[in-house]
Amino acid sequence: NDSEIPALLEGAARAGAKHASYIMLRLPYGISDLFETWLQEHFPSKTGKVMHHVREMRGGKTNDSNFKTRMRGQGPYAEQIAALFRLQCKRLGLNRERPILSAQSFRRPGPVQLSLF
C-alpha cells in the first residue's frame, strides 16, 4: 500500500539497505479476476478502491504491457506514488550511488550444454 511506503523504506534502511525500487501492481490475463475475487473474500470494503487505483494507473485496464509504463503505471496516482517513493529514498539516503558491478565471478559455460535431468 502506498501509505506503507515510508515505513517499509525506513525498515529497509535500518536493516542496511542501500538501494530500493518498486514495481506497480500488474494484473495480466486471468490474474485480474482471481485477484479481484480474493479481494472480495478477504477485504470486501476495500475491493472497489483497490481496483479503481489499479485501473487508474493502467489506463482504465488492470494490465498494461506497454514497455514504458508497465512497471511504473501512469497518471496522477502513479506520479504521486513515484514522488513519495523518491522523496522517502532521498530522506533516508537510499539510491545515492549505483552499485559497482563486477563480472569477476562469471564463468563462461563449457563447450557442451549441461544435461537438464
Protein backbone atom coordinates (compact mmCIF):
# COMPACT_ATOMS: atom_id res chain seq x y z
CA ASN A 1 0.00 0.00 0.00
CA ASP A 2 1.22 3.48 -0.78
CA SER A 3 0.59 4.56 2.82
CA GLU A 4 3.13 1.96 3.97
CA ILE A 5 5.96 3.14 1.70
CA PRO A 6 7.65 5.38 4.31
CA ALA A 7 7.65 2.68 7.00
CA LEU A 8 8.82 -0.01 4.57
CA LEU A 9 11.71 2.12 3.36
CA GLU A 10 12.64 3.12 6.92
CA GLY A 11 12.78 -0.54 7.91
CA ALA A 12 14.87 -1.40 4.87
CA ALA A 13 17.30 1.44 5.59
CA ARG A 14 17.59 0.41 9.26
CA ALA A 15 18.38 -3.14 8.10
CA GLY A 16 21.24 -1.82 5.95
CA ALA A 17 19.67 -1.48 2.52
CA LYS A 18 21.45 0.97 0.22
CA HIS A 19 19.04 0.82 -2.72
CA ALA A 20 15.30 0.43 -3.20
CA SER A 21 12.90 0.27 -6.12
CA TYR A 22 9.31 -0.71 -6.76
CA ILE A 23 7.07 -2.20 -9.42
CA MET A 24 3.45 -1.13 -9.67
CA LEU A 25 0.88 -3.93 -9.38
CA ARG A 26 0.02 -5.53 -12.73
CA LEU A 27 -2.81 -7.99 -13.18
CA PRO A 28 -2.33 -9.71 -16.54
CA TYR A 29 -4.80 -12.14 -18.11
CA GLY A 30 -6.81 -14.27 -15.64
CA ILE A 31 -4.89 -12.93 -12.66
CA SER A 32 -7.14 -9.87 -12.61
CA ASP A 33 -10.30 -11.90 -11.96
CA LEU A 34 -8.52 -14.11 -9.45
CA PHE A 35 -7.15 -11.09 -7.56
CA GLU A 36 -10.50 -9.30 -7.52
CA THR A 37 -12.23 -12.44 -6.22
CA TRP A 38 -9.60 -12.77 -3.50
CA LEU A 39 -10.09 -9.11 -2.54
CA GLN A 40 -13.87 -9.61 -2.35
CA GLU A 41 -13.40 -12.57 0.00
CA HIS A 42 -10.75 -11.04 2.27
CA PHE A 43 -11.22 -7.25 2.04
CA PRO A 44 -14.72 -6.61 0.64
CA SER A 45 -14.82 -3.00 1.82
CA LYS A 46 -11.55 -2.19 0.02
CA THR A 47 -12.11 -4.03 -3.28
CA GLY A 48 -13.62 -1.07 -5.12
CA LYS A 49 -10.90 1.35 -4.03
CA VAL A 50 -8.03 -1.02 -4.84
CA MET A 51 -9.37 -1.94 -8.29
CA HIS A 52 -10.12 1.72 -9.03
CA HIS A 53 -6.50 2.65 -8.30
CA VAL A 54 -5.16 -0.23 -10.39
CA ARG A 55 -7.30 0.80 -13.37
CA GLU A 56 -6.47 4.47 -12.87
CA MET A 57 -2.76 3.69 -13.22
CA ARG A 58 -3.27 1.30 -16.14
CA GLY A 59 -5.31 3.48 -18.50
CA GLY A 60 -8.65 2.01 -17.41
CA LYS A 61 -7.45 -1.61 -17.56
CA THR A 62 -5.90 -3.89 -14.95
CA ASN A 63 -2.85 -4.62 -17.10
CA ASP A 64 -0.63 -2.50 -19.30
CA SER A 65 2.00 -4.30 -21.35
CA ASN A 66 3.49 -1.07 -22.76
CA PHE A 67 7.25 -1.17 -22.17
CA LYS A 68 7.42 2.45 -20.98
CA THR A 69 4.60 2.29 -18.43
CA ARG A 70 4.06 -1.32 -17.35
CA MET A 71 6.38 -1.25 -14.33
CA ARG A 72 5.52 2.23 -13.01
CA GLY A 73 1.98 2.93 -14.20
CA GLN A 74 0.78 6.28 -15.49
CA GLY A 75 -1.43 9.14 -14.42
CA PRO A 76 -1.65 11.32 -11.31
CA TYR A 77 -1.86 8.50 -8.77
CA ALA A 78 1.19 6.71 -10.22
CA GLU A 79 3.08 10.04 -10.26
CA GLN A 80 2.12 10.65 -6.62
CA ILE A 81 3.47 7.23 -5.60
CA ALA A 82 6.67 7.81 -7.59
CA ALA A 83 7.18 11.19 -5.91
CA LEU A 84 6.55 9.73 -2.44
CA PHE A 85 9.00 6.88 -3.10
CA ARG A 86 11.66 9.24 -4.46
CA LEU A 87 11.25 11.66 -1.52
CA GLN A 88 11.48 8.91 1.09
CA CYS A 89 14.55 7.38 -0.58
CA LYS A 90 16.23 10.78 -0.58
CA ARG A 91 15.32 11.39 3.07
CA LEU A 92 16.74 8.01 4.09
CA GLY A 93 19.87 8.19 1.94
CA LEU A 94 18.82 5.34 -0.33
CA ASN A 95 19.79 5.15 -4.02
CA ARG A 96 22.61 7.69 -3.66
CA GLU A 97 25.19 5.69 -5.56
CA ARG A 98 24.87 2.96 -8.11
CA PRO A 99 26.42 -0.32 -7.04
CA ILE A 100 29.69 -1.27 -8.69
CA LEU A 101 29.05 -4.37 -10.74
CA SER A 102 31.70 -6.97 -11.37
CA ALA A 103 31.91 -9.82 -13.86
CA GLN A 104 34.72 -11.40 -11.83
CA SER A 105 32.54 -14.28 -10.61
CA PHE A 106 31.18 -15.02 -14.09
CA ARG A 107 32.35 -18.28 -15.63
CA ARG A 108 31.98 -18.92 -19.32
CA PRO A 109 29.93 -22.09 -19.85
CA GLY A 110 31.73 -25.16 -21.10
CA PRO A 111 31.65 -26.29 -24.73
CA VAL A 112 28.89 -28.84 -24.07
CA GLN A 113 25.44 -27.96 -22.78
CA LEU A 114 24.70 -29.47 -19.40
CA SER A 115 22.02 -32.12 -19.03
CA LEU A 116 18.71 -30.99 -17.60
CA PHE A 117 17.99 -34.35 -15.93
